[in-house]
């Protein structure tokens, strides 16, 4: 994995830390941020697919977009954390 620097509002960091400490939902800030990014990417891709559906795509176009979403979900699956039990 690559390392990146982010500028995050201290209030958000405090809330992430609180969730980690009080609920053990994630093992670290990094796990939380990776999960949040993955979830948002999937949401955005689904929204894009939904907008294209409104245009009445051909079956071929719809299949192509569905495949892209599935591939994205598989790609992000590799980064899943141990997670909430």
PDB file of N, CA and C in Angstrom:
ATOM      1  N   UNK A   1       0.836  -1.179   0.000  1.00  0.00           N
ATOM      2  CA  UNK A   1       0.000   0.000   0.000  1.00  0.00           C
ATOM      3  C   UNK A   1       0.878   1.237   0.000  1.00  0.00           C
ATOM      4  N   UNK A   2       0.349   2.293  -0.584  1.00  0.00           N
ATOM      5  CA  UNK A   2       1.057   3.567  -0.579  1.00  0.00           C
ATOM      6  C   UNK A   2       0.631   4.395   0.620  1.00  0.00           C
ATOM      7  N   UNK A   3       1.478   5.319   0.994  1.00  0.00           N
ATOM      8  CA  UNK A   3       1.182   6.234   2.088  1.00  0.00           C
ATOM      9  C   UNK A   3       0.833   7.592   1.509  1.00  0.00           C
ATOM     10  N   UNK A   4      -0.198   8.233   2.068  1.00  0.00           N
ATOM     11  CA  UNK A   4      -0.633   9.546   1.635  1.00  0.00           C
ATOM     12  C   UNK A   4      -0.843  10.415   2.862  1.00  0.00           C
ATOM     13  N   UNK A   5      -0.653  11.702   2.685  1.00  0.00           N
ATOM     14  CA  UNK A   5      -0.936  12.649   3.756  1.00  0.00           C
ATOM     15  C   UNK A   5      -2.265  13.319   3.463  1.00  0.00           C
ATOM     16  N   UNK A   6      -3.070  13.479   4.492  1.00  0.00           N
ATOM     17  CA  UNK A   6      -4.368  14.121   4.349  1.00  0.00           C
ATOM     18  C   UNK A   6      -4.494  15.243   5.366  1.00  0.00           C
ATOM     19  N   UNK A   7      -5.240  16.256   4.983  1.00  0.00           N
ATOM     20  CA  UNK A   7      -5.583  17.311   5.923  1.00  0.00           C
ATOM     21  C   UNK A   7      -7.028  17.049   6.328  1.00  0.00           C
ATOM     22  N   UNK A   8      -7.242  16.777   7.616  1.00  0.00           N
ATOM     23  CA  UNK A   8      -8.563  16.426   8.110  1.00  0.00           C
ATOM     24  C   UNK A   8      -8.902  17.326   9.296  1.00  0.00           C
ATOM     25  N   UNK A   9     -10.119  17.807   9.311  1.00  0.00           N
ATOM     26  CA  UNK A   9     -10.606  18.641  10.402  1.00  0.00           C
ATOM     27  C   UNK A   9     -10.389  17.914  11.739  1.00  0.00           C
ATOM     28  N   UNK A  10      -9.802  18.586  12.709  1.00  0.00           N
ATOM     29  CA  UNK A  10      -9.547  17.950  14.006  1.00  0.00           C
ATOM     30  C   UNK A  10     -10.814  17.359  14.659  1.00  0.00           C
ATOM     31  N   UNK A  11     -11.963  17.971  14.425  1.00  0.00           N
ATOM     32  CA  UNK A  11     -13.216  17.445  14.983  1.00  0.00           C
ATOM     33  C   UNK A  11     -13.527  16.067  14.406  1.00  0.00           C
ATOM     34  N   UNK A  12     -13.244  15.880  13.116  1.00  0.00           N
ATOM     35  CA  UNK A  12     -13.474  14.579  12.492  1.00  0.00           C
ATOM     36  C   UNK A  12     -12.520  13.525  13.056  1.00  0.00           C
ATOM     37  N   UNK A  13     -11.276  13.910  13.220  1.00  0.00           N
ATOM     38  CA  UNK A  13     -10.287  12.979  13.777  1.00  0.00           C
ATOM     39  C   UNK A  13     -10.693  12.577  15.196  1.00  0.00           C
ATOM     40  N   UNK A  14     -11.157  13.545  15.971  1.00  0.00           N
ATOM     41  CA  UNK A  14     -11.594  13.262  17.338  1.00  0.00           C
ATOM     42  C   UNK A  14     -12.766  12.282  17.331  1.00  0.00           C
ATOM     43  N   UNK A  15     -13.705  12.459  16.406  1.00  0.00           N
ATOM     44  CA  UNK A  15     -14.855  11.552  16.313  1.00  0.00           C
ATOM     45  C   UNK A  15     -14.419  10.152  15.885  1.00  0.00           C
ATOM     46  N   UNK A  16     -13.502  10.070  14.927  1.00  0.00           N
ATOM     47  CA  UNK A  16     -12.974   8.765  14.508  1.00  0.00           C
ATOM     48  C   UNK A  16     -12.310   8.070  15.693  1.00  0.00           C
ATOM     49  N   UNK A  17     -11.471   8.795  16.411  1.00  0.00           N
ATOM     50  CA  UNK A  17     -10.779   8.228  17.568  1.00  0.00           C
ATOM     51  C   UNK A  17     -11.778   7.760  18.631  1.00  0.00           C
ATOM     52  N   UNK A  18     -12.845   8.539  18.834  1.00  0.00           N
ATOM     53  CA  UNK A  18     -13.860   8.161  19.818  1.00  0.00           C
ATOM     54  C   UNK A  18     -14.544   6.855  19.418  1.00  0.00           C
ATOM     55  N   UNK A  19     -14.899   6.743  18.142  1.00  0.00           N
ATOM     56  CA  UNK A  19     -15.542   5.514  17.669  1.00  0.00           C
ATOM     57  C   UNK A  19     -14.628   4.308  17.835  1.00  0.00           C
ATOM     58  N   UNK A  20     -13.369   4.497  17.508  1.00  0.00           N
ATOM     59  CA  UNK A  20     -12.401   3.402  17.647  1.00  0.00           C
ATOM     60  C   UNK A  20     -12.282   2.991  19.111  1.00  0.00           C
ATOM     61  N   UNK A  21     -12.130   3.976  19.977  1.00  0.00           N
ATOM     62  CA  UNK A  21     -11.928   3.686  21.400  1.00  0.00           C
ATOM     63  C   UNK A  21     -13.180   3.101  22.055  1.00  0.00           C
ATOM     64  N   UNK A  22     -14.328   3.717  21.824  1.00  0.00           N
ATOM     65  CA  UNK A  22     -15.548   3.310  22.523  1.00  0.00           C
ATOM     66  C   UNK A  22     -16.211   2.068  21.943  1.00  0.00           C
ATOM     67  N   UNK A  23     -16.078   1.885  20.633  1.00  0.00           N
ATOM     68  CA  UNK A  23     -16.831   0.807  19.996  1.00  0.00           C
ATOM     69  C   UNK A  23     -15.966  -0.242  19.317  1.00  0.00           C
ATOM     70  N   UNK A  24     -14.693   0.025  19.171  1.00  0.00           N
ATOM     71  CA  UNK A  24     -13.795  -0.942  18.546  1.00  0.00           C
ATOM     72  C   UNK A  24     -14.187  -1.288  17.122  1.00  0.00           C
ATOM     73  N   UNK A  25     -14.833  -0.337  16.442  1.00  0.00           N
ATOM     74  CA  UNK A  25     -15.313  -0.610  15.084  1.00  0.00           C
ATOM     75  C   UNK A  25     -14.177  -0.765  14.085  1.00  0.00           C
ATOM     76  N   UNK A  26     -13.084  -0.110  14.327  1.00  0.00           N
ATOM     77  CA  UNK A  26     -11.929  -0.160  13.436  1.00  0.00           C
ATOM     78  C   UNK A  26     -10.682  -0.271  14.294  1.00  0.00           C
ATOM     79  N   UNK A  27      -9.646  -0.841  13.714  1.00  0.00           N
ATOM     80  CA  UNK A  27      -8.417  -1.009  14.497  1.00  0.00           C
ATOM     81  C   UNK A  27      -7.544   0.242  14.491  1.00  0.00           C
ATOM     82  N   UNK A  28      -7.794   1.151  13.537  1.00  0.00           N
ATOM     83  CA  UNK A  28      -6.979   2.362  13.453  1.00  0.00           C
ATOM     84  C   UNK A  28      -7.695   3.415  12.617  1.00  0.00           C
ATOM     85  N   UNK A  29      -7.159   4.621  12.656  1.00  0.00           N
ATOM     86  CA  UNK A  29      -7.683   5.688  11.792  1.00  0.00           C
ATOM     87  C   UNK A  29      -7.561   5.278  10.327  1.00  0.00           C
ATOM     88  N   UNK A  30      -6.438   4.685   9.986  1.00  0.00           N
ATOM     89  CA  UNK A  30      -6.219   4.279   8.593  1.00  0.00           C
ATOM     90  C   UNK A  30      -7.280   3.298   8.121  1.00  0.00           C
ATOM     91  N   UNK A  31      -7.634   2.329   8.963  1.00  0.00           N
ATOM     92  CA  UNK A  31      -8.696   1.386   8.602  1.00  0.00           C
ATOM     93  C   UNK A  31     -10.011   2.120   8.369  1.00  0.00           C
ATOM     94  N   UNK A  32     -10.319   3.060   9.251  1.00  0.00           N
ATOM     95  CA  UNK A  32     -11.551   3.822   9.118  1.00  0.00           C
ATOM     96  C   UNK A  32     -11.568   4.599   7.805  1.00  0.00           C
ATOM     97  N   UNK A  33     -10.474   5.293   7.512  1.00  0.00           N
ATOM     98  CA  UNK A  33     -10.403   6.132   6.310  1.00  0.00           C
ATOM     99  C   UNK A  33     -10.452   5.276   5.047  1.00  0.00           C
ATOM    100  N   UNK A  34      -9.742   4.151   5.023  1.00  0.00           N
ATOM    101  CA  UNK A  34      -9.806   3.254   3.857  1.00  0.00           C
ATOM    102  C   UNK A  34     -11.228   2.758   3.628  1.00  0.00           C
ATOM    103  N   UNK A  35     -11.891   2.369   4.714  1.00  0.00           N
ATOM    104  CA  UNK A  35     -13.260   1.879   4.595  1.00  0.00           C
ATOM    105  C   UNK A  35     -14.199   2.977   4.095  1.00  0.00           C
ATOM    106  N   UNK A  36     -14.028   4.197   4.604  1.00  0.00           N
ATOM    107  CA  UNK A  36     -14.869   5.317   4.180  1.00  0.00           C
ATOM    108  C   UNK A  36     -14.659   5.632   2.700  1.00  0.00           C
ATOM    109  N   UNK A  37     -13.431   5.599   2.247  1.00  0.00           N
ATOM    110  CA  UNK A  37     -13.134   5.871   0.836  1.00  0.00           C
ATOM    111  C   UNK A  37     -13.734   4.780  -0.044  1.00  0.00           C
ATOM    112  N   UNK A  38     -13.548   3.530   0.353  1.00  0.00           N
ATOM    113  CA  UNK A  38     -14.098   2.409  -0.415  1.00  0.00           C
ATOM    114  C   UNK A  38     -15.625   2.529  -0.528  1.00  0.00           C
ATOM    115  N   UNK A  39     -16.279   2.812   0.595  1.00  0.00           N
ATOM    116  CA  UNK A  39     -17.737   2.927   0.601  1.00  0.00           C
ATOM    117  C   UNK A  39     -18.190   4.070  -0.299  1.00  0.00           C
ATOM    118  N   UNK A  40     -17.498   5.172  -0.252  1.00  0.00           N
ATOM    119  CA  UNK A  40     -17.871   6.334  -1.087  1.00  0.00           C
ATOM    120  C   UNK A  40     -17.654   6.040  -2.563  1.00  0.00           C
ATOM    121  N   UNK A  41     -16.564   5.383  -2.923  1.00  0.00           N
ATOM    122  CA  UNK A  41     -16.317   5.037  -4.323  1.00  0.00           C
ATOM    123  C   UNK A  41     -17.420   4.126  -4.863  1.00  0.00           C
ATOM    124  N   UNK A  42     -17.823   3.151  -4.077  1.00  0.00           N
ATOM    125  CA  UNK A  42     -18.891   2.251  -4.505  1.00  0.00           C
ATOM    126  C   UNK A  42     -20.188   3.035  -4.669  1.00  0.00           C
ATOM    127  N   UNK A  43     -20.476   3.933  -3.725  1.00  0.00           N
ATOM    128  CA  UNK A  43     -21.692   4.756  -3.803  1.00  0.00           C
ATOM    129  C   UNK A  43     -21.696   5.626  -5.054  1.00  0.00           C
ATOM    130  N   UNK A  44     -20.576   6.255  -5.344  1.00  0.00           N
ATOM    131  CA  UNK A  44     -20.476   7.117  -6.526  1.00  0.00           C
ATOM    132  C   UNK A  44     -20.657   6.302  -7.801  1.00  0.00           C
ATOM    133  N   UNK A  45     -20.020   5.143  -7.866  1.00  0.00           N
ATOM    134  CA  UNK A  45     -20.168   4.302  -9.059  1.00  0.00           C
ATOM    135  C   UNK A  45     -21.607   3.839  -9.233  1.00  0.00           C
ATOM    136  N   UNK A  46     -22.296   3.517  -8.147  1.00  0.00           N
ATOM    137  CA  UNK A  46     -23.704   3.127  -8.237  1.00  0.00           C
ATOM    138  C   UNK A  46     -24.552   4.303  -8.717  1.00  0.00           C
ATOM    139  N   UNK A  47     -24.248   5.508  -8.228  1.00  0.00           N
ATOM    140  CA  UNK A  47     -24.985   6.696  -8.667  1.00  0.00           C
ATOM    141  C   UNK A  47     -24.777   6.957 -10.148  1.00  0.00           C
ATOM    142  N   UNK A  48     -23.563   6.780 -10.616  1.00  0.00           N
ATOM    143  CA  UNK A  48     -23.277   6.965 -12.038  1.00  0.00           C
ATOM    144  C   UNK A  48     -24.070   5.956 -12.849  1.00  0.00           C
ATOM    145  N   UNK A  49     -24.080   4.722 -12.394  1.00  0.00           N
ATOM    146  CA  UNK A  49     -24.836   3.674 -13.075  1.00  0.00           C
ATOM    147  C   UNK A  49     -26.316   4.032 -13.093  1.00  0.00           C
ATOM    148  N   UNK A  50     -26.837   4.525 -11.971  1.00  0.00           N
ATOM    149  CA  UNK A  50     -28.248   4.899 -11.885  1.00  0.00           C
ATOM    150  C   UNK A  50     -28.607   6.005 -12.853  1.00  0.00           C
ATOM    151  N   UNK A  51     -27.739   6.986 -13.015  1.00  0.00           N
ATOM    152  CA  UNK A  51     -28.006   8.083 -13.954  1.00  0.00           C
ATOM    153  C   UNK A  51     -28.029   7.575 -15.380  1.00  0.00           C
ATOM    154  N   UNK A  52     -27.152   6.652 -15.694  1.00  0.00           N
ATOM    155  CA  UNK A  52     -27.126   6.117 -17.048  1.00  0.00           C
ATOM    156  C   UNK A  52     -28.345   5.248 -17.315  1.00  0.00           C
ATOM    157  N   UNK A  53     -28.866   4.613 -16.274  1.00  0.00           N
ATOM    158  CA  UNK A  53     -30.069   3.799 -16.454  1.00  0.00           C
ATOM    159  C   UNK A  53     -31.229   4.694 -16.858  1.00  0.00           C
ATOM    160  N   UNK A  54     -31.307   5.899 -16.318  1.00  0.00           N
ATOM    161  CA  UNK A  54     -32.386   6.827 -16.644  1.00  0.00           C
ATOM    162  C   UNK A  54     -32.382   7.212 -18.124  1.00  0.00           C
ATOM    163  N   UNK A  55     -31.216   7.103 -18.756  1.00  0.00           N
ATOM    164  CA  UNK A  55     -31.101   7.420 -20.178  1.00  0.00           C
ATOM    165  C   UNK A  55     -31.540   6.256 -21.052  1.00  0.00           C
ATOM    166  N   UNK A  56     -32.033   5.206 -20.434  1.00  0.00           N
ATOM    167  CA  UNK A  56     -32.425   3.985 -21.138  1.00  0.00           C
ATOM    168  C   UNK A  56     -31.271   3.424 -21.968  1.00  0.00           C
ATOM    169  N   UNK A  57     -30.264   2.905 -21.276  1.00  0.00           N
ATOM    170  CA  UNK A  57     -29.110   2.355 -21.999  1.00  0.00           C
ATOM    171  C   UNK A  57     -29.485   1.058 -22.710  1.00  0.00           C
ATOM    172  N   UNK A  58     -28.644   0.725 -23.638  1.00  0.00           N
ATOM    173  CA  UNK A  58     -28.818  -0.562 -24.302  1.00  0.00           C
ATOM    174  C   UNK A  58     -28.432  -1.653 -23.308  1.00  0.00           C
ATOM    175  N   UNK A  59     -28.820  -2.874 -23.603  1.00  0.00           N
ATOM    176  CA  UNK A  59     -28.458  -3.984 -22.720  1.00  0.00           C
ATOM    177  C   UNK A  59     -26.943  -4.113 -22.605  1.00  0.00           C
ATOM    178  N   UNK A  60     -26.262  -3.852 -23.712  1.00  0.00           N
ATOM    179  CA  UNK A  60     -24.804  -3.956 -23.721  1.00  0.00           C
ATOM    180  C   UNK A  60     -24.186  -2.891 -22.801  1.00  0.00           C
ATOM    181  N   UNK A  61     -24.702  -1.660 -22.852  1.00  0.00           N
ATOM    182  CA  UNK A  61     -24.188  -0.588 -21.995  1.00  0.00           C
ATOM    183  C   UNK A  61     -24.456  -0.883 -20.524  1.00  0.00           C
ATOM    184  N   UNK A  62     -25.648  -1.376 -20.238  1.00  0.00           N
ATOM    185  CA  UNK A  62     -25.998  -1.700 -18.866  1.00  0.00           C
ATOM    186  C   UNK A  62     -25.113  -2.819 -18.328  1.00  0.00           C
ATOM    187  N   UNK A  63     -24.894  -3.831 -19.126  1.00  0.00           N
ATOM    188  CA  UNK A  63     -24.039  -4.945 -18.714  1.00  0.00           C
ATOM    189  C   UNK A  63     -22.611  -4.454 -18.455  1.00  0.00           C
ATOM    190  N   UNK A  64     -22.143  -3.544 -19.294  1.00  0.00           N
ATOM    191  CA  UNK A  64     -20.793  -2.999 -19.138  1.00  0.00           C
ATOM    192  C   UNK A  64     -20.668  -2.234 -17.809  1.00  0.00           C
ATOM    193  N   UNK A  65     -21.655  -1.423 -17.486  1.00  0.00           N
ATOM    194  CA  UNK A  65     -21.621  -0.660 -16.243  1.00  0.00           C
ATOM    195  C   UNK A  65     -21.755  -1.566 -15.023  1.00  0.00           C
ATOM    196  N   UNK A  66     -22.617  -2.550 -15.108  1.00  0.00           N
ATOM    197  CA  UNK A  66     -22.773  -3.488 -13.993  1.00  0.00           C
ATOM    198  C   UNK A  66     -21.467  -4.244 -13.750  1.00  0.00           C
ATOM    199  N   UNK A  67     -20.805  -4.613 -14.834  1.00  0.00           N
ATOM    200  CA  UNK A  67     -19.525  -5.302 -14.709  1.00  0.00           C
ATOM    201  C   UNK A  67     -18.492  -4.386 -14.049  1.00  0.00           C
ATOM    202  N   UNK A  68     -18.499  -3.103 -14.413  1.00  0.00           N
ATOM    203  CA  UNK A  68     -17.555  -2.144 -13.838  1.00  0.00           C
ATOM    204  C   UNK A  68     -17.775  -2.004 -12.328  1.00  0.00           C
ATOM    205  N   UNK A  69     -19.033  -1.957 -11.904  1.00  0.00           N
ATOM    206  CA  UNK A  69     -19.333  -1.856 -10.475  1.00  0.00           C
ATOM    207  C   UNK A  69     -18.876  -3.122  -9.757  1.00  0.00           C
ATOM    208  N   UNK A  70     -19.165  -4.280 -10.341  1.00  0.00           N
ATOM    209  CA  UNK A  70     -18.742  -5.540  -9.739  1.00  0.00           C
ATOM    210  C   UNK A  70     -17.222  -5.612  -9.613  1.00  0.00           C
ATOM    211  N   UNK A  71     -16.517  -5.185 -10.654  1.00  0.00           N
ATOM    212  CA  UNK A  71     -15.058  -5.202 -10.620  1.00  0.00           C
ATOM    213  C   UNK A  71     -14.532  -4.256  -9.547  1.00  0.00           C
ATOM    214  N   UNK A  72     -15.173  -3.093  -9.410  1.00  0.00           N
ATOM    215  CA  UNK A  72     -14.752  -2.135  -8.384  1.00  0.00           C
ATOM    216  C   UNK A  72     -14.946  -2.731  -7.003  1.00  0.00           C
ATOM    217  N   UNK A  73     -16.075  -3.381  -6.803  1.00  0.00           N
ATOM    218  CA  UNK A  73     -16.350  -3.985  -5.503  1.00  0.00           C
ATOM    219  C   UNK A  73     -15.351  -5.095  -5.198  1.00  0.00           C
ATOM    220  N   UNK A  74     -15.002  -5.883  -6.204  1.00  0.00           N
ATOM    221  CA  UNK A  74     -14.003  -6.933  -6.012  1.00  0.00           C
ATOM    222  C   UNK A  74     -12.642  -6.329  -5.704  1.00  0.00           C
ATOM    223  N   UNK A  75     -12.310  -5.257  -6.417  1.00  0.00           N
ATOM    224  CA  UNK A  75     -11.028  -4.585  -6.210  1.00  0.00           C
ATOM    225  C   UNK A  75     -10.929  -4.060  -4.777  1.00  0.00           C
ATOM    226  N   UNK A  76     -11.996  -3.452  -4.276  1.00  0.00           N
ATOM    227  CA  UNK A  76     -11.976  -2.889  -2.933  1.00  0.00           C
ATOM    228  C   UNK A  76     -12.084  -3.978  -1.878  1.00  0.00           C
ATOM    229  N   UNK A  77     -12.585  -5.121  -2.230  1.00  0.00           N
ATOM    230  CA  UNK A  77     -12.717  -6.238  -1.294  1.00  0.00           C
ATOM    231  C   UNK A  77     -11.366  -6.594  -0.695  1.00  0.00           C
ATOM    232  N   UNK A  78     -10.321  -6.431  -1.485  1.00  0.00           N
ATOM    233  CA  UNK A  78      -8.968  -6.755  -1.042  1.00  0.00           C
ATOM    234  C   UNK A  78      -8.550  -5.904   0.154  1.00  0.00           C
ATOM    235  N   UNK A  79      -9.154  -4.727   0.307  1.00  0.00           N
ATOM    236  CA  UNK A  79      -8.765  -3.814   1.379  1.00  0.00           C
ATOM    237  C   UNK A  79      -9.689  -3.880   2.584  1.00  0.00           C
ATOM    238  N   UNK A  80     -10.619  -4.826   2.589  1.00  0.00           N
ATOM    239  CA  UNK A  80     -11.542  -4.921   3.714  1.00  0.00           C
ATOM    240  C   UNK A  80     -10.768  -5.181   5.002  1.00  0.00           C
ATOM    241  N   UNK A  81     -11.217  -4.553   6.047  1.00  0.00           N
ATOM    242  CA  UNK A  81     -10.614  -4.759   7.351  1.00  0.00           C
ATOM    243  C   UNK A  81     -11.321  -5.905   8.049  1.00  0.00           C
ATOM    244  N   UNK A  82     -10.781  -6.307   9.200  1.00  0.00           N
ATOM    245  CA  UNK A  82     -11.375  -7.371   9.982  1.00  0.00           C
ATOM    246  C   UNK A  82     -12.802  -7.054  10.382  1.00  0.00           C
ATOM    247  N   UNK A  83     -13.079  -5.775  10.564  1.00  0.00           N
ATOM    248  CA  UNK A  83     -14.413  -5.257  10.663  1.00  0.00           C
ATOM    249  C   UNK A  83     -15.193  -5.485  11.933  1.00  0.00           C
ATOM    250  N   UNK A  84     -16.389  -5.011  11.862  1.00  0.00           N
ATOM    251  CA  UNK A  84     -17.332  -5.097  12.969  1.00  0.00           C
ATOM    252  C   UNK A  84     -17.891  -6.492  13.012  1.00  0.00           C
ATOM    253  N   UNK A  85     -17.969  -7.069  14.165  1.00  0.00           N
ATOM    254  CA  UNK A  85     -18.491  -8.428  14.295  1.00  0.00           C
ATOM    255  C   UNK A  85     -19.849  -8.404  14.926  1.00  0.00           C
TER     256      UNK A  85
END
